[in-house]
Amino acid sequence: MDIKEIQSLIKFVAKSGASEVKLETDDIKITIRTGALASAPETTTYLQQIPVGTAAAAPPMTLPPTAGGDTSGAKADTGESEEESKYITIKSPIIGTFYRKPSPDKQAFVEVGDTIAQGDVLCVIEAMKLFNDIESEVSGKIIKMLVEDSSPVEFDQPLFLVDPS
């Protein structure tokens, strides 16, 4: 591993939001720590190099049921998903730490049951020490919060269920 690869790895870790990454190969050990907030939960990512010539097994793929196929198994699991399908899911636009409040001593932006309008701030996501207001793209009523306060979130992770009616 040369210096350019190490620099590239450092940049990747900084962008990912991970607080610590450890990389171990036969001849080198690297630990990269970022300056994450003390209040943020620590996450450690371990990377393991696969020896050349060994292929990693691909995860099994599942195919969607066809129109003429048996769907009895699929209908058993759709009880809750049919209920939630009428709701709009607001997802995280970035990787970071989810906060319901603008600061620890303030009230939460929204609660379950609150009516929201397009453009209302729903939460804050902290990424690399920048606090990003997440605004609603729809109007409606908050039905469910899908993420706990001060927990890490991934890109496109569902945050809220909103009833648009």
N, C-alpha and C. Protein backbone atom coordinates (compact mmCIF):
# COMPACT_ATOMS: atom_id res chain seq x y z
N MET A 1 0.86 -1.17 0.00
CA MET A 1 0.00 0.00 0.00
C MET A 1 0.90 1.23 0.00
N ASP A 2 0.69 2.11 -0.98
CA ASP A 2 1.53 3.30 -1.06
C ASP A 2 0.84 4.50 -0.41
N ILE A 3 1.54 5.63 -0.36
CA ILE A 3 1.05 6.80 0.34
C ILE A 3 -0.23 7.36 -0.30
N LYS A 4 -0.35 7.28 -1.62
CA LYS A 4 -1.56 7.80 -2.28
C LYS A 4 -2.78 6.97 -1.90
N GLU A 5 -2.63 5.66 -1.78
CA GLU A 5 -3.74 4.82 -1.36
C GLU A 5 -4.14 5.13 0.08
N ILE A 6 -3.17 5.40 0.94
CA ILE A 6 -3.45 5.75 2.33
C ILE A 6 -4.18 7.09 2.40
N GLN A 7 -3.72 8.07 1.62
CA GLN A 7 -4.38 9.37 1.58
C GLN A 7 -5.82 9.24 1.08
N SER A 8 -6.01 8.41 0.08
CA SER A 8 -7.35 8.18 -0.45
C SER A 8 -8.25 7.54 0.60
N LEU A 9 -7.71 6.60 1.37
CA LEU A 9 -8.46 5.95 2.44
C LEU A 9 -8.84 6.95 3.53
N ILE A 10 -7.92 7.85 3.86
CA ILE A 10 -8.21 8.88 4.87
C ILE A 10 -9.34 9.78 4.40
N LYS A 11 -9.32 10.19 3.16
CA LYS A 11 -10.39 11.03 2.61
C LYS A 11 -11.73 10.29 2.64
N PHE A 12 -11.71 9.00 2.28
CA PHE A 12 -12.93 8.21 2.28
C PHE A 12 -13.52 8.11 3.68
N VAL A 13 -12.67 7.87 4.69
CA VAL A 13 -13.13 7.76 6.08
C VAL A 13 -13.72 9.09 6.54
N ALA A 14 -13.08 10.20 6.19
CA ALA A 14 -13.57 11.52 6.59
C ALA A 14 -14.95 11.78 6.00
N LYS A 15 -15.16 11.38 4.75
CA LYS A 15 -16.46 11.61 4.09
C LYS A 15 -17.53 10.66 4.62
N SER A 16 -17.15 9.47 5.05
CA SER A 16 -18.14 8.46 5.46
C SER A 16 -18.79 8.77 6.80
N GLY A 17 -18.14 9.54 7.64
CA GLY A 17 -18.69 9.85 8.94
C GLY A 17 -18.31 8.84 10.02
N ALA A 18 -17.53 7.82 9.68
CA ALA A 18 -17.10 6.84 10.67
C ALA A 18 -16.09 7.51 11.60
N SER A 19 -16.11 7.14 12.88
CA SER A 19 -15.19 7.74 13.83
C SER A 19 -13.84 7.01 13.87
N GLU A 20 -13.82 5.74 13.48
CA GLU A 20 -12.58 4.98 13.51
C GLU A 20 -12.63 3.87 12.47
N VAL A 21 -11.52 3.67 11.76
CA VAL A 21 -11.39 2.57 10.80
C VAL A 21 -10.05 1.90 11.04
N LYS A 22 -10.07 0.57 11.11
CA LYS A 22 -8.83 -0.20 11.26
C LYS A 22 -8.67 -1.08 10.03
N LEU A 23 -7.48 -1.07 9.45
CA LEU A 23 -7.17 -1.88 8.28
C LEU A 23 -5.92 -2.70 8.59
N GLU A 24 -6.05 -4.01 8.45
CA GLU A 24 -4.92 -4.89 8.72
C GLU A 24 -4.70 -5.80 7.52
N THR A 25 -3.46 -5.83 7.03
CA THR A 25 -3.07 -6.78 5.99
C THR A 25 -1.87 -7.55 6.54
N ASP A 26 -1.29 -8.39 5.70
CA ASP A 26 -0.15 -9.19 6.15
C ASP A 26 1.03 -8.33 6.59
N ASP A 27 1.27 -7.21 5.90
CA ASP A 27 2.46 -6.42 6.17
C ASP A 27 2.20 -5.02 6.73
N ILE A 28 0.93 -4.65 6.94
CA ILE A 28 0.65 -3.29 7.40
C ILE A 28 -0.59 -3.24 8.27
N LYS A 29 -0.57 -2.37 9.28
CA LYS A 29 -1.73 -2.11 10.13
C LYS A 29 -1.96 -0.60 10.14
N ILE A 30 -3.20 -0.18 9.85
CA ILE A 30 -3.54 1.24 9.85
C ILE A 30 -4.79 1.45 10.68
N THR A 31 -4.76 2.46 11.55
CA THR A 31 -5.94 2.87 12.30
C THR A 31 -6.15 4.35 12.01
N ILE A 32 -7.35 4.72 11.55
CA ILE A 32 -7.67 6.11 11.26
C ILE A 32 -8.82 6.52 12.18
N ARG A 33 -8.59 7.58 12.95
CA ARG A 33 -9.62 8.10 13.85
C ARG A 33 -9.93 9.52 13.42
N THR A 34 -11.23 9.84 13.36
CA THR A 34 -11.64 11.20 13.04
C THR A 34 -12.06 11.90 14.32
N GLY A 35 -12.16 13.20 14.29
CA GLY A 35 -12.53 13.98 15.47
C GLY A 35 -14.04 14.02 15.65
N ALA A 36 -14.66 12.88 15.97
CA ALA A 36 -16.11 12.82 16.17
C ALA A 36 -16.46 13.47 17.50
N LEU A 37 -17.70 13.96 17.63
CA LEU A 37 -18.16 14.56 18.88
C LEU A 37 -18.15 13.53 20.00
N ALA A 38 -17.87 13.97 21.20
CA ALA A 38 -17.84 13.05 22.34
C ALA A 38 -19.22 12.49 22.62
N SER A 39 -20.29 13.26 22.31
CA SER A 39 -21.64 12.78 22.59
C SER A 39 -22.14 11.81 21.53
N ALA A 40 -21.47 11.78 20.36
CA ALA A 40 -21.92 10.89 19.30
C ALA A 40 -21.47 9.47 19.60
N PRO A 41 -22.33 8.47 19.33
CA PRO A 41 -21.92 7.09 19.56
C PRO A 41 -20.79 6.71 18.62
N GLU A 42 -19.82 5.96 19.16
CA GLU A 42 -18.69 5.57 18.33
C GLU A 42 -19.04 4.36 17.49
N THR A 43 -18.60 4.41 16.23
CA THR A 43 -18.77 3.27 15.34
C THR A 43 -17.39 2.93 14.81
N THR A 44 -17.06 1.67 14.79
CA THR A 44 -15.79 1.22 14.27
C THR A 44 -16.05 0.34 13.06
N THR A 45 -15.32 0.63 11.99
CA THR A 45 -15.46 -0.14 10.77
C THR A 45 -14.17 -0.94 10.58
N TYR A 46 -14.30 -2.24 10.39
CA TYR A 46 -13.15 -3.09 10.16
C TYR A 46 -13.13 -3.51 8.70
N LEU A 47 -11.99 -3.29 8.06
CA LEU A 47 -11.80 -3.71 6.68
C LEU A 47 -10.81 -4.85 6.69
N GLN A 48 -11.12 -5.90 5.96
CA GLN A 48 -10.23 -7.05 5.93
C GLN A 48 -9.93 -7.36 4.48
N GLN A 49 -8.66 -7.43 4.15
CA GLN A 49 -8.26 -7.67 2.78
C GLN A 49 -8.42 -9.16 2.46
N ILE A 50 -9.09 -9.46 1.34
CA ILE A 50 -9.27 -10.84 0.90
C ILE A 50 -8.05 -11.22 0.07
N PRO A 51 -7.42 -12.36 0.36
CA PRO A 51 -6.25 -12.75 -0.41
C PRO A 51 -6.58 -12.87 -1.90
N VAL A 52 -5.61 -12.49 -2.73
CA VAL A 52 -5.80 -12.55 -4.17
C VAL A 52 -6.03 -14.00 -4.59
N GLY A 53 -6.98 -14.22 -5.46
CA GLY A 53 -7.29 -15.57 -5.92
C GLY A 53 -8.47 -16.18 -5.20
N THR A 54 -8.90 -15.58 -4.09
CA THR A 54 -10.06 -16.06 -3.36
C THR A 54 -11.22 -15.12 -3.65
N ALA A 55 -12.27 -15.65 -4.21
CA ALA A 55 -13.43 -14.82 -4.54
C ALA A 55 -14.41 -14.86 -3.39
N ALA A 56 -14.97 -13.72 -3.07
CA ALA A 56 -15.99 -13.65 -2.03
C ALA A 56 -17.30 -14.19 -2.59
N ALA A 57 -18.01 -14.94 -1.78
CA ALA A 57 -19.28 -15.50 -2.24
C ALA A 57 -20.31 -14.39 -2.37
N ALA A 58 -21.03 -14.39 -3.47
CA ALA A 58 -22.07 -13.39 -3.70
C ALA A 58 -23.29 -13.73 -2.84
N PRO A 59 -23.98 -12.70 -2.31
CA PRO A 59 -25.17 -12.98 -1.51
C PRO A 59 -26.26 -13.56 -2.41
N PRO A 60 -27.09 -14.44 -1.87
CA PRO A 60 -28.13 -15.03 -2.70
C PRO A 60 -29.12 -13.96 -3.15
N MET A 61 -29.54 -14.08 -4.39
CA MET A 61 -30.48 -13.11 -4.94
C MET A 61 -31.90 -13.67 -4.84
N THR A 62 -32.84 -12.81 -4.53
CA THR A 62 -34.23 -13.22 -4.52
C THR A 62 -34.94 -12.49 -5.64
N LEU A 63 -35.72 -13.21 -6.38
CA LEU A 63 -36.45 -12.63 -7.49
C LEU A 63 -37.85 -12.26 -7.06
N PRO A 64 -38.38 -11.13 -7.58
CA PRO A 64 -39.75 -10.78 -7.24
C PRO A 64 -40.71 -11.80 -7.83
N PRO A 65 -41.87 -12.01 -7.20
CA PRO A 65 -42.81 -12.99 -7.75
C PRO A 65 -43.34 -12.53 -9.10
N THR A 66 -43.55 -13.49 -9.97
CA THR A 66 -44.08 -13.17 -11.30
C THR A 66 -45.59 -13.09 -11.24
N ALA A 67 -46.20 -12.56 -12.29
CA ALA A 67 -47.65 -12.37 -12.31
C ALA A 67 -48.39 -13.70 -12.18
N GLY A 68 -47.88 -14.76 -12.77
CA GLY A 68 -48.57 -16.04 -12.73
C GLY A 68 -48.11 -16.92 -11.58
N GLY A 69 -47.14 -16.46 -10.78
CA GLY A 69 -46.58 -17.28 -9.71
C GLY A 69 -47.46 -17.28 -8.48
N ASP A 70 -47.12 -18.15 -7.53
CA ASP A 70 -47.86 -18.26 -6.28
C ASP A 70 -47.47 -17.10 -5.38
N THR A 71 -48.42 -16.32 -4.94
CA THR A 71 -48.14 -15.15 -4.10
C THR A 71 -48.70 -15.32 -2.70
N SER A 72 -49.06 -16.52 -2.31
CA SER A 72 -49.65 -16.71 -0.97
C SER A 72 -48.65 -16.35 0.12
N GLY A 73 -47.36 -16.64 -0.06
CA GLY A 73 -46.35 -16.29 0.92
C GLY A 73 -46.16 -14.79 0.99
N ALA A 74 -46.25 -14.10 -0.12
CA ALA A 74 -46.06 -12.66 -0.14
C ALA A 74 -47.21 -11.95 0.56
N LYS A 75 -48.42 -12.46 0.45
CA LYS A 75 -49.57 -11.80 1.07
C LYS A 75 -49.55 -11.92 2.59
N ALA A 76 -48.90 -12.91 3.12
CA ALA A 76 -48.84 -13.08 4.57
C ALA A 76 -48.01 -11.97 5.21
N ASP A 77 -46.99 -11.46 4.51
CA ASP A 77 -46.11 -10.44 5.07
C ASP A 77 -46.61 -9.02 4.81
N THR A 78 -47.65 -8.82 4.05
CA THR A 78 -48.04 -7.48 3.64
C THR A 78 -49.06 -6.84 4.56
N GLY A 79 -49.42 -7.43 5.68
CA GLY A 79 -50.39 -6.85 6.59
C GLY A 79 -49.97 -5.47 7.06
N GLU A 80 -48.75 -5.34 7.56
CA GLU A 80 -48.28 -4.05 8.03
C GLU A 80 -47.82 -3.18 6.87
N SER A 81 -47.22 -3.77 5.82
CA SER A 81 -46.73 -2.96 4.72
C SER A 81 -47.87 -2.32 3.93
N GLU A 82 -49.04 -2.99 3.84
CA GLU A 82 -50.19 -2.37 3.18
C GLU A 82 -50.66 -1.18 3.99
N GLU A 83 -50.63 -1.29 5.31
CA GLU A 83 -51.02 -0.20 6.19
C GLU A 83 -50.06 0.98 6.01
N GLU A 84 -48.75 0.71 5.91
CA GLU A 84 -47.76 1.77 5.78
C GLU A 84 -47.61 2.25 4.35
N SER A 85 -48.14 1.55 3.35
CA SER A 85 -47.97 1.96 1.97
C SER A 85 -48.71 3.24 1.64
N LYS A 86 -49.73 3.60 2.41
CA LYS A 86 -50.45 4.84 2.14
C LYS A 86 -49.71 6.05 2.72
N TYR A 87 -48.64 5.83 3.47
CA TYR A 87 -47.86 6.90 4.06
C TYR A 87 -46.65 7.22 3.20
N ILE A 88 -46.17 8.44 3.33
CA ILE A 88 -44.96 8.87 2.64
C ILE A 88 -43.80 8.72 3.62
N THR A 89 -42.71 8.15 3.14
CA THR A 89 -41.52 7.96 3.97
C THR A 89 -40.55 9.09 3.69
N ILE A 90 -40.16 9.80 4.74
CA ILE A 90 -39.13 10.83 4.61
C ILE A 90 -37.81 10.18 4.96
N LYS A 91 -36.85 10.26 4.03
CA LYS A 91 -35.57 9.56 4.19
C LYS A 91 -34.43 10.54 4.40
N SER A 92 -33.35 10.02 4.95
CA SER A 92 -32.17 10.84 5.21
C SER A 92 -31.45 11.15 3.90
N PRO A 93 -31.16 12.43 3.64
CA PRO A 93 -30.42 12.78 2.42
C PRO A 93 -28.92 12.63 2.57
N ILE A 94 -28.43 12.40 3.81
CA ILE A 94 -26.99 12.31 4.06
C ILE A 94 -26.70 11.30 5.16
N ILE A 95 -25.42 10.95 5.28
CA ILE A 95 -24.94 10.10 6.38
C ILE A 95 -24.59 11.02 7.54
N GLY A 96 -24.94 10.63 8.75
CA GLY A 96 -24.57 11.44 9.89
C GLY A 96 -25.25 10.98 11.16
N THR A 97 -25.38 11.89 12.13
CA THR A 97 -26.04 11.61 13.39
C THR A 97 -27.35 12.38 13.44
N PHE A 98 -28.44 11.66 13.71
CA PHE A 98 -29.79 12.21 13.73
C PHE A 98 -30.08 12.85 15.08
N TYR A 99 -30.57 14.09 15.05
CA TYR A 99 -31.00 14.77 16.26
C TYR A 99 -32.40 15.32 16.07
N ARG A 100 -33.28 15.08 17.05
CA ARG A 100 -34.66 15.56 17.01
C ARG A 100 -34.78 17.01 17.45
N LYS A 101 -33.76 17.52 18.18
CA LYS A 101 -33.81 18.86 18.76
C LYS A 101 -32.70 19.73 18.17
N PRO A 102 -32.93 21.06 18.13
CA PRO A 102 -31.86 21.95 17.65
C PRO A 102 -30.69 22.03 18.64
N SER A 103 -30.96 21.82 19.94
CA SER A 103 -29.93 21.73 20.97
C SER A 103 -30.51 20.94 22.13
N PRO A 104 -29.66 20.42 23.01
CA PRO A 104 -30.15 19.55 24.09
C PRO A 104 -31.19 20.19 25.01
N ASP A 105 -31.15 21.52 25.17
CA ASP A 105 -32.08 22.18 26.08
C ASP A 105 -33.35 22.70 25.40
N LYS A 106 -33.51 22.44 24.12
CA LYS A 106 -34.69 22.90 23.37
C LYS A 106 -35.66 21.75 23.15
N GLN A 107 -36.89 22.09 22.71
CA GLN A 107 -37.89 21.07 22.41
C GLN A 107 -37.62 20.46 21.03
N ALA A 108 -38.15 19.26 20.82
CA ALA A 108 -37.99 18.57 19.54
C ALA A 108 -38.69 19.36 18.43
N PHE A 109 -38.15 19.26 17.21
CA PHE A 109 -38.76 19.93 16.07
C PHE A 109 -40.20 19.46 15.85
N VAL A 110 -40.39 18.13 15.83
CA VAL A 110 -41.72 17.55 15.61
C VAL A 110 -41.92 16.34 16.52
N GLU A 111 -43.17 16.06 16.81
CA GLU A 111 -43.56 14.89 17.58
C GLU A 111 -44.56 14.08 16.76
N VAL A 112 -44.79 12.83 17.14
CA VAL A 112 -45.81 12.01 16.49
C VAL A 112 -47.16 12.69 16.69
N GLY A 113 -47.91 12.83 15.60
CA GLY A 113 -49.21 13.48 15.66
C GLY A 113 -49.18 14.92 15.21
N ASP A 114 -47.99 15.53 15.10
CA ASP A 114 -47.89 16.92 14.65
C ASP A 114 -48.23 17.04 13.18
N THR A 115 -48.86 18.15 12.81
CA THR A 115 -49.14 18.46 11.41
C THR A 115 -47.98 19.30 10.90
N ILE A 116 -47.45 18.92 9.74
CA ILE A 116 -46.31 19.63 9.16
C ILE A 116 -46.68 20.18 7.80
N ALA A 117 -45.96 21.21 7.39
CA ALA A 117 -46.13 21.79 6.07
C ALA A 117 -44.84 21.63 5.29
N GLN A 118 -44.93 21.75 4.00
CA GLN A 118 -43.74 21.64 3.17
C GLN A 118 -42.76 22.74 3.57
N GLY A 119 -41.50 22.39 3.79
CA GLY A 119 -40.48 23.34 4.19
C GLY A 119 -40.23 23.40 5.69
N ASP A 120 -41.09 22.75 6.51
CA ASP A 120 -40.87 22.73 7.95
C ASP A 120 -39.63 21.90 8.27
N VAL A 121 -38.83 22.35 9.25
CA VAL A 121 -37.66 21.59 9.69
C VAL A 121 -38.14 20.44 10.57
N LEU A 122 -37.73 19.22 10.23
CA LEU A 122 -38.14 18.02 10.95
C LEU A 122 -37.09 17.54 11.94
N CYS A 123 -35.82 17.72 11.59
CA CYS A 123 -34.73 17.24 12.42
C CYS A 123 -33.44 17.88 11.94
N VAL A 124 -32.35 17.53 12.60
CA VAL A 124 -31.02 17.98 12.22
C VAL A 124 -30.16 16.73 12.07
N ILE A 125 -29.34 16.69 11.03
CA ILE A 125 -28.37 15.61 10.88
C ILE A 125 -26.97 16.24 10.87
N GLU A 126 -26.16 15.78 11.82
CA GLU A 126 -24.80 16.29 11.95
C GLU A 126 -23.88 15.40 11.14
N ALA A 127 -23.14 16.02 10.23
CA ALA A 127 -22.17 15.29 9.41
C ALA A 127 -20.88 16.10 9.38
N MET A 128 -19.82 15.53 9.87
CA MET A 128 -18.50 16.16 9.88
C MET A 128 -18.57 17.54 10.54
N LYS A 129 -19.21 17.60 11.70
CA LYS A 129 -19.34 18.79 12.54
C LYS A 129 -20.16 19.90 11.90
N LEU A 130 -20.92 19.58 10.87
CA LEU A 130 -21.86 20.53 10.27
C LEU A 130 -23.27 20.03 10.57
N PHE A 131 -24.12 20.93 11.05
CA PHE A 131 -25.49 20.57 11.39
C PHE A 131 -26.41 20.98 10.24
N ASN A 132 -27.05 19.99 9.63
CA ASN A 132 -27.89 20.21 8.46
C ASN A 132 -29.36 20.07 8.83
N ASP A 133 -30.14 21.16 8.61
CA ASP A 133 -31.58 21.09 8.83
C ASP A 133 -32.20 20.22 7.76
N ILE A 134 -33.05 19.28 8.16
CA ILE A 134 -33.76 18.43 7.21
C ILE A 134 -35.20 18.94 7.15
N GLU A 135 -35.58 19.45 5.98
CA GLU A 135 -36.90 20.03 5.81
C GLU A 135 -37.84 19.04 5.14
N SER A 136 -39.12 19.19 5.44
CA SER A 136 -40.13 18.32 4.86
C SER A 136 -40.39 18.71 3.41
N GLU A 137 -40.51 17.72 2.56
CA GLU A 137 -40.85 17.96 1.16
C GLU A 137 -42.34 17.78 0.92
N VAL A 138 -43.07 17.38 1.96
CA VAL A 138 -44.52 17.15 1.85
C VAL A 138 -45.23 17.77 3.04
N SER A 139 -46.53 17.96 2.88
CA SER A 139 -47.38 18.39 4.00
C SER A 139 -48.14 17.19 4.49
N GLY A 140 -48.45 17.16 5.78
CA GLY A 140 -49.21 16.04 6.32
C GLY A 140 -49.07 15.96 7.82
N LYS A 141 -49.25 14.74 8.33
CA LYS A 141 -49.21 14.49 9.76
C LYS A 141 -48.17 13.42 10.05
N ILE A 142 -47.30 13.66 11.06
CA ILE A 142 -46.28 12.68 11.45
C ILE A 142 -46.98 11.48 12.09
N ILE A 143 -46.80 10.31 11.50
CA ILE A 143 -47.43 9.08 11.98
C ILE A 143 -46.46 8.28 12.86
N LYS A 144 -45.18 8.26 12.44
CA LYS A 144 -44.22 7.42 13.15
C LYS A 144 -42.82 7.98 12.97
N MET A 145 -42.02 7.92 14.04
CA MET A 145 -40.60 8.26 13.97
C MET A 145 -39.84 6.95 13.91
N LEU A 146 -38.99 6.81 12.92
CA LEU A 146 -38.33 5.54 12.67
C LEU A 146 -36.90 5.49 13.20
N VAL A 147 -36.40 6.61 13.76
CA VAL A 147 -35.03 6.68 14.23
C VAL A 147 -35.02 7.30 15.63
N GLU A 148 -34.18 6.77 16.51
CA GLU A 148 -34.02 7.30 17.86
C GLU A 148 -33.12 8.54 17.82
N ASP A 149 -33.34 9.45 18.77
CA ASP A 149 -32.52 10.66 18.87
C ASP A 149 -31.06 10.30 19.13
N SER A 150 -30.16 11.03 18.53
CA SER A 150 -28.70 10.87 18.69
C SER A 150 -28.17 9.56 18.14
N SER A 151 -28.86 8.99 17.16
CA SER A 151 -28.37 7.73 16.59
C SER A 151 -27.84 7.97 15.18
N PRO A 152 -26.88 7.15 14.74
CA PRO A 152 -26.33 7.32 13.40
C PRO A 152 -27.34 6.89 12.34
N VAL A 153 -27.34 7.61 11.21
CA VAL A 153 -28.21 7.28 10.09
C VAL A 153 -27.39 7.17 8.82
N GLU A 154 -27.87 6.37 7.92
CA GLU A 154 -27.23 6.17 6.62
C GLU A 154 -27.97 6.99 5.56
N PHE A 155 -27.35 7.15 4.40
CA PHE A 155 -28.00 7.79 3.28
C PHE A 155 -29.24 6.99 2.88
N ASP A 156 -30.35 7.66 2.66
CA ASP A 156 -31.60 7.07 2.20
C ASP A 156 -32.28 6.20 3.26
N GLN A 157 -31.87 6.32 4.52
CA GLN A 157 -32.51 5.57 5.60
C GLN A 157 -33.82 6.26 5.97
N PRO A 158 -34.93 5.51 6.12
CA PRO A 158 -36.20 6.12 6.50
C PRO A 158 -36.12 6.76 7.89
N LEU A 159 -36.64 8.00 7.99
CA LEU A 159 -36.64 8.73 9.25
C LEU A 159 -38.03 8.89 9.84
N PHE A 160 -39.01 9.24 8.99
CA PHE A 160 -40.38 9.51 9.44
C PHE A 160 -41.37 8.91 8.47
N LEU A 161 -42.57 8.55 9.00
CA LEU A 161 -43.72 8.21 8.16
C LEU A 161 -44.70 9.36 8.28
N VAL A 162 -45.17 9.86 7.12
CA VAL A 162 -46.08 11.00 7.09
C VAL A 162 -47.35 10.61 6.36
N ASP A 163 -48.50 10.94 6.97
CA ASP A 163 -49.80 10.73 6.32
C ASP A 163 -50.12 12.01 5.55
N PRO A 164 -50.11 11.95 4.21
CA PRO A 164 -50.32 13.16 3.43
C PRO A 164 -51.78 13.63 3.39
N SER A 165 -52.73 12.83 3.88
CA SER A 165 -54.15 13.21 3.76
C SER A 165 -54.57 14.27 4.74
